[in-house]
Amino acid sequence: MIEKILLAVSGLGHAEKMLKTLADVPSIQRSKVTVLHVVPHLSSAEAMTTKWEEGGKILANAIQYLNLDPSKVSSILRQGDPKRVVCEVADEIDADLIIMGSRGLKRLQSILSNSVSQYVFQLSSRPMLLVKDDIYVKTVKRVMVAMDNSDAAKRCLSLALFLLRDIKGGELILANVSTDLRGKESQITEISPEKNPILAAAYAEAKKYGVPARCFISSGKPGEEICRLADERKIDLLLLGSPDRRPSIAKNLVDIDRLLGSSLSDYVRVNATCPVLLARTVD
């Protein structure tokens, strides 16, 4: 269930467009939305005053653009480090989904540029919908879930079914990629669900909710294959599970090893040609 949505805004952009598109989905129309803008700390009082005024205008413009039921929308203007404030507010309102814009920076660039979205994804266990600046936000009809045996993938499936069950003409694409690190691409093949145990279970779950589903398999480098499949099938929204690799001892520190290492979620969020919803297992 997605009952509470946190939309982090920095100026009218793709994140607002994504939420406006999602607002047409019947299951989302019952959700409450909190629109957040964070004013960073500045040295002079004059500069801070200007930023507060600009922040108020950004919030007002976002709410006017979204044109949602006023009883279901609230706004927060807060001062602080944007990365930390987004995480704090998400916890305060117990958000079921965080929506943020993303510049689509690669891992090292994200670290060096102090990427807000990358930081929030590392430290929050809440589902996070990232919308890159260079993609076209489309009406959500065709949703893809990258399936494996993980609890995170099953959580993605539940979110996808929540969104799709009331969408007329909606379609669920279930994809399972066999890892082949040699980089040799296989043909993307549509199969009957009973031929793949992972997809069979997901297909049966979709059938319970009356959601039309199709199953596809391929092999190769998982990130590349998932992005290729999403592009070929003209996917409107891609859902991908991500294991919880945050440090168990220092939950307040970004997992630098993960950021610098090989990460499926990082590859997909940077290279996918559609919005990407990343979800972890529930803490």
Protein backbone atom coordinates (compact mmCIF):
# COMPACT_ATOMS: atom_id res chain seq x y z
CA MET A 1 0.00 0.00 0.00
CA ILE A 2 1.15 3.52 -0.78
CA GLU A 3 -0.74 5.77 1.61
CA LYS A 4 1.86 8.47 2.27
CA ILE A 5 4.10 9.98 -0.40
CA LEU A 6 7.01 12.34 0.17
CA LEU A 7 7.83 14.50 -2.84
CA ALA A 8 11.16 16.33 -2.51
CA VAL A 9 11.28 19.38 -4.80
CA SER A 10 14.03 21.81 -5.75
CA GLY A 11 12.14 23.64 -8.48
CA LEU A 12 9.55 22.55 -11.03
CA GLY A 13 10.97 19.42 -12.63
CA HIS A 14 10.45 15.77 -13.52
CA ALA A 15 9.67 14.61 -9.98
CA GLU A 16 6.56 16.81 -9.95
CA LYS A 17 5.62 15.54 -13.42
CA MET A 18 5.96 11.96 -12.19
CA LEU A 19 3.66 12.54 -9.23
CA LYS A 20 1.14 14.35 -11.42
CA THR A 21 1.15 11.30 -13.72
CA LEU A 22 0.79 8.90 -10.79
CA ALA A 23 -2.13 10.97 -9.48
CA ASP A 24 -4.19 9.55 -12.37
CA VAL A 25 -3.69 6.03 -10.99
CA PRO A 26 -6.79 5.12 -8.94
CA SER A 27 -4.86 3.45 -6.10
CA ILE A 28 -2.68 6.56 -5.67
CA GLN A 29 -5.61 8.97 -5.57
CA ARG A 30 -6.26 7.94 -1.98
CA SER A 31 -2.70 8.75 -0.90
CA LYS A 32 -1.64 11.76 1.15
CA VAL A 33 1.20 13.80 -0.29
CA THR A 34 3.80 15.86 1.56
CA VAL A 35 5.77 18.27 -0.62
CA LEU A 36 9.18 19.11 0.87
CA HIS A 37 11.69 21.80 -0.02
CA VAL A 38 14.92 22.13 1.92
CA VAL A 39 16.74 25.43 2.33
CA PRO A 40 20.49 24.82 2.80
CA HIS A 41 22.46 26.58 5.51
CA LEU A 42 24.03 29.82 4.26
CA SER A 43 26.50 32.15 5.94
CA SER A 44 24.62 35.45 5.80
CA ALA A 45 21.18 36.30 7.16
CA GLU A 46 20.36 38.18 3.97
CA ALA A 47 21.13 35.15 1.83
CA MET A 48 19.05 32.93 4.12
CA THR A 49 16.07 35.29 3.89
CA THR A 50 16.27 35.19 0.10
CA LYS A 51 16.45 31.40 0.07
CA TRP A 52 13.45 31.09 2.41
CA GLU A 53 11.42 33.32 0.09
CA GLU A 54 12.51 31.31 -2.95
CA GLY A 55 11.68 28.08 -1.13
CA GLY A 56 8.18 29.26 -0.34
CA LYS A 57 7.61 30.07 -4.00
CA ILE A 58 8.96 26.68 -5.09
CA LEU A 59 6.52 24.91 -2.77
CA ALA A 60 3.60 27.07 -3.88
CA ASN A 61 4.38 26.49 -7.56
CA ALA A 62 4.71 22.74 -7.05
CA ILE A 63 1.37 22.46 -5.22
CA GLN A 64 -0.36 24.61 -7.82
CA TYR A 65 1.10 22.47 -10.63
CA LEU A 66 0.08 19.19 -8.98
CA ASN A 67 -3.50 20.40 -8.54
CA LEU A 68 -4.33 17.69 -5.99
CA ASP A 69 -7.14 17.55 -3.46
CA PRO A 70 -6.10 20.22 -0.89
CA SER A 71 -7.20 17.98 1.97
CA LYS A 72 -4.59 15.41 0.92
CA VAL A 73 -1.62 17.73 0.38
CA SER A 74 0.68 19.38 2.91
CA SER A 75 3.94 21.25 2.49
CA ILE A 76 7.11 21.50 4.55
CA LEU A 77 9.81 24.15 4.20
CA ARG A 78 12.81 23.27 6.32
CA GLN A 79 16.39 24.41 6.75
CA GLY A 80 19.32 22.03 6.82
CA ASP A 81 21.36 19.57 4.82
CA PRO A 82 18.96 18.40 2.05
CA LYS A 83 20.25 14.82 2.18
CA ARG A 84 19.60 14.40 5.87
CA VAL A 85 16.36 16.41 5.97
CA VAL A 86 14.73 14.24 3.29
CA CYS A 87 15.54 11.13 5.33
CA GLU A 88 14.30 12.76 8.55
CA VAL A 89 11.00 13.94 7.07
CA ALA A 90 10.41 10.55 5.42
CA ASP A 91 10.69 8.99 8.88
CA GLU A 92 8.55 11.67 10.52
CA ILE A 93 5.61 11.15 8.16
CA ASP A 94 6.29 7.40 7.81
CA ALA A 95 6.39 7.73 4.01
CA ASP A 96 5.54 4.68 1.92
CA LEU A 97 7.26 6.20 -1.11
CA ILE A 98 9.84 8.93 -1.69
CA ILE A 99 9.84 10.65 -5.09
CA MET A 100 12.91 12.62 -6.11
CA GLY A 101 14.53 14.00 -9.21
CA SER A 102 17.94 12.68 -10.19
CA ARG A 103 20.66 13.94 -12.48
CA GLY A 104 21.55 10.34 -13.35
CA LEU A 105 25.15 10.66 -12.21
CA LYS A 106 27.36 7.61 -12.15
CA ARG A 107 28.56 6.29 -8.78
CA LEU A 108 31.82 8.20 -8.39
CA GLN A 109 30.26 11.40 -9.75
CA SER A 110 27.43 10.98 -7.23
CA ILE A 111 29.90 10.84 -4.36
CA LEU A 112 31.98 13.77 -5.55
CA SER A 113 28.95 15.94 -6.30
CA ASN A 114 27.33 15.09 -2.96
CA SER A 115 24.26 13.63 -4.69
CA VAL A 116 21.13 13.98 -2.57
CA SER A 117 19.21 11.14 -4.22
CA GLN A 118 22.14 8.72 -3.97
CA TYR A 119 22.61 9.54 -0.28
CA VAL A 120 18.90 9.15 0.52
CA PHE A 121 18.72 5.82 -1.29
CA GLN A 122 21.72 4.54 0.66
CA LEU A 123 20.31 5.46 4.06
CA SER A 124 16.57 4.93 3.71
CA SER A 125 14.84 1.57 3.58
CA ARG A 126 11.75 3.21 2.05
CA PRO A 127 10.86 2.67 -1.62
CA MET A 128 12.28 5.48 -3.71
CA LEU A 129 11.14 6.60 -7.16
CA LEU A 130 13.94 8.33 -9.05
CA VAL A 131 13.12 10.44 -12.09
CA LYS A 132 16.10 11.51 -14.19
CA ASP A 133 16.25 14.92 -15.81
CA ASP A 134 16.80 13.46 -19.29
CA ILE A 135 13.82 11.09 -19.58
CA TYR A 136 10.28 11.58 -20.77
CA VAL A 137 7.65 10.91 -18.11
CA LYS A 138 4.79 8.91 -19.62
CA THR A 139 1.37 7.78 -18.42
CA VAL A 140 1.88 4.65 -16.35
CA LYS A 141 0.44 1.70 -18.24
CA ARG A 142 3.28 -0.76 -18.76
CA VAL A 143 5.16 -1.62 -15.57
CA MET A 144 8.16 -3.94 -15.37
CA VAL A 145 9.50 -5.77 -12.32
CA ALA A 146 12.95 -7.37 -12.38
CA MET A 147 12.31 -10.64 -10.55
CA ASP A 148 14.60 -12.92 -8.60
CA ASN A 149 14.17 -14.85 -5.35
CA SER A 150 14.92 -11.86 -3.09
CA ASP A 151 12.46 -10.33 -0.65
CA ALA A 152 13.23 -6.95 -2.23
CA ALA A 153 11.98 -8.19 -5.62
CA LYS A 154 8.83 -9.53 -3.97
CA ARG A 155 8.28 -6.12 -2.38
CA CYS A 156 8.60 -4.55 -5.84
CA LEU A 157 6.03 -6.99 -7.17
CA SER A 158 3.59 -6.01 -4.42
CA LEU A 159 4.07 -2.31 -5.23
CA ALA A 160 3.58 -2.94 -8.94
CA LEU A 161 0.36 -4.87 -8.34
CA PHE A 162 -0.88 -2.10 -6.04
CA LEU A 163 -0.40 0.39 -8.85
CA LEU A 164 -1.68 -1.76 -11.72
CA ARG A 165 -4.75 -3.43 -10.26
CA ASP A 166 -7.00 -0.44 -11.03
CA ILE A 167 -5.33 0.77 -14.25
CA LYS A 168 -7.42 0.05 -17.34
CA GLY A 169 -5.22 -1.34 -20.07
CA GLY A 170 -2.33 -1.78 -17.67
CA GLU A 171 0.22 -4.54 -18.19
CA LEU A 172 2.85 -6.12 -15.96
CA ILE A 173 6.13 -7.25 -17.50
CA LEU A 174 7.96 -9.83 -15.36
CA ALA A 175 11.62 -10.21 -16.23
CA ASN A 176 14.23 -12.67 -15.02
CA VAL A 177 17.86 -12.30 -16.09
CA SER A 178 20.42 -15.10 -15.84
CA THR A 179 23.81 -13.62 -15.02
CA ASP A 180 26.51 -14.03 -17.66
CA LEU A 181 29.37 -11.65 -16.86
CA ARG A 182 31.10 -12.35 -20.17
CA GLY A 183 28.79 -9.67 -21.51
CA LYS A 184 27.37 -11.82 -24.29
CA GLU A 185 23.80 -10.71 -24.90
CA SER A 186 21.11 -13.32 -25.34
CA GLN A 187 17.89 -12.83 -27.19
CA ILE A 188 15.10 -11.49 -25.00
CA THR A 189 12.52 -14.27 -25.03
CA GLU A 190 8.89 -14.30 -23.96
CA ILE A 191 8.04 -17.55 -22.19
CA SER A 192 5.13 -19.28 -20.55
CA PRO A 193 5.34 -18.64 -16.79
CA GLU A 194 5.44 -22.33 -15.88
CA LYS A 195 8.85 -22.60 -17.59
CA ASN A 196 10.51 -20.42 -14.96
CA PRO A 197 9.79 -21.02 -11.24
CA ILE A 198 10.58 -17.43 -10.23
CA LEU A 199 8.31 -15.93 -12.87
CA ALA A 200 5.64 -18.59 -12.28
CA ALA A 201 5.18 -17.47 -8.66
CA ALA A 202 5.06 -13.79 -9.64
CA TYR A 203 2.63 -14.51 -12.49
CA ALA A 204 0.32 -16.40 -10.11
CA GLU A 205 0.35 -13.42 -7.73
CA ALA A 206 -0.57 -11.06 -10.58
CA LYS A 207 -3.38 -13.37 -11.65
CA LYS A 208 -4.88 -13.18 -8.12
CA TYR A 209 -5.30 -9.41 -8.59
CA GLY A 210 -6.54 -9.69 -12.16
CA VAL A 211 -3.46 -7.93 -13.53
CA PRO A 212 -2.45 -9.02 -17.07
CA ALA A 213 1.17 -10.17 -17.05
CA ARG A 214 3.79 -11.38 -19.53
CA CYS A 215 7.06 -13.13 -18.74
CA PHE A 216 10.47 -12.54 -20.32
CA ILE A 217 13.92 -14.02 -19.80
CA SER A 218 17.40 -13.17 -21.02
CA SER A 219 21.01 -13.61 -19.95
CA GLY A 220 24.02 -11.33 -19.74
CA LYS A 221 25.13 -8.56 -17.41
CA PRO A 222 22.01 -8.01 -15.27
CA GLY A 223 22.04 -4.21 -15.30
CA GLU A 224 22.50 -3.99 -19.05
CA GLU A 225 19.86 -6.64 -19.73
CA ILE A 226 17.27 -5.04 -17.45
CA CYS A 227 17.75 -1.67 -19.13
CA ARG A 228 17.67 -3.25 -22.60
CA LEU A 229 14.45 -5.09 -21.84
CA ALA A 230 12.83 -1.98 -20.37
CA ASP A 231 13.78 -0.01 -23.46
CA GLU A 232 12.64 -2.66 -25.97
CA ARG A 233 9.30 -3.18 -24.21
CA LYS A 234 8.74 0.60 -23.93
CA ILE A 235 8.30 0.39 -20.16
CA ASP A 236 6.71 3.37 -18.37
CA LEU A 237 7.94 2.45 -14.88
CA LEU A 238 10.64 -0.02 -13.82
CA LEU A 239 10.76 -1.55 -10.34
CA LEU A 240 13.97 -3.07 -9.03
CA GLY A 241 14.78 -4.61 -5.67
CA SER A 242 18.04 -3.66 -3.99
CA PRO A 243 19.60 -5.63 -1.12
CA ASP A 244 20.24 -3.77 2.12
CA ARG A 245 24.00 -3.22 2.04
CA ARG A 246 24.05 -0.35 4.55
CA PRO A 247 26.67 -0.80 7.28
CA SER A 248 25.17 -2.64 10.22
CA ILE A 249 27.39 -0.78 12.74
CA ALA A 250 27.24 2.72 11.23
CA LYS A 251 23.77 3.21 9.75
CA ASN A 252 24.39 6.95 9.48
CA LEU A 253 27.34 6.58 7.12
CA VAL A 254 27.06 6.08 3.39
CA ASP A 255 28.31 2.66 2.29
CA ILE A 256 31.34 3.85 0.32
CA ASP A 257 32.35 0.30 -0.55
CA ARG A 258 28.99 -0.24 -2.19
CA LEU A 259 29.06 3.10 -3.96
CA LEU A 260 32.47 2.41 -5.45
CA GLY A 261 31.82 -1.24 -6.16
CA SER A 262 29.62 -3.00 -8.64
CA SER A 263 25.96 -2.15 -7.99
CA LEU A 264 23.02 -3.30 -10.06
CA SER A 265 20.74 -0.57 -8.72
CA ASP A 266 23.31 2.14 -9.49
CA TYR A 267 23.70 0.93 -13.07
CA VAL A 268 19.96 0.79 -13.68
CA ARG A 269 19.14 4.15 -12.10
CA VAL A 270 21.79 5.81 -14.30
CA ASN A 271 21.07 4.03 -17.58
CA ALA A 272 17.35 3.18 -17.65
CA THR A 273 15.28 5.20 -20.11
CA CYS A 274 12.26 5.34 -17.79
CA PRO A 275 11.61 6.26 -14.13
CA VAL A 276 13.02 3.68 -11.70
CA LEU A 277 11.44 2.68 -8.40
CA LEU A 278 14.01 1.10 -6.09
CA ALA A 279 12.89 -0.89 -3.06
CA ARG A 280 14.65 -2.72 -0.29
CA THR A 281 13.39 -5.37 2.08
CA VAL A 282 11.41 -4.07 5.03
CA ASP A 283 13.61 -3.44 8.08
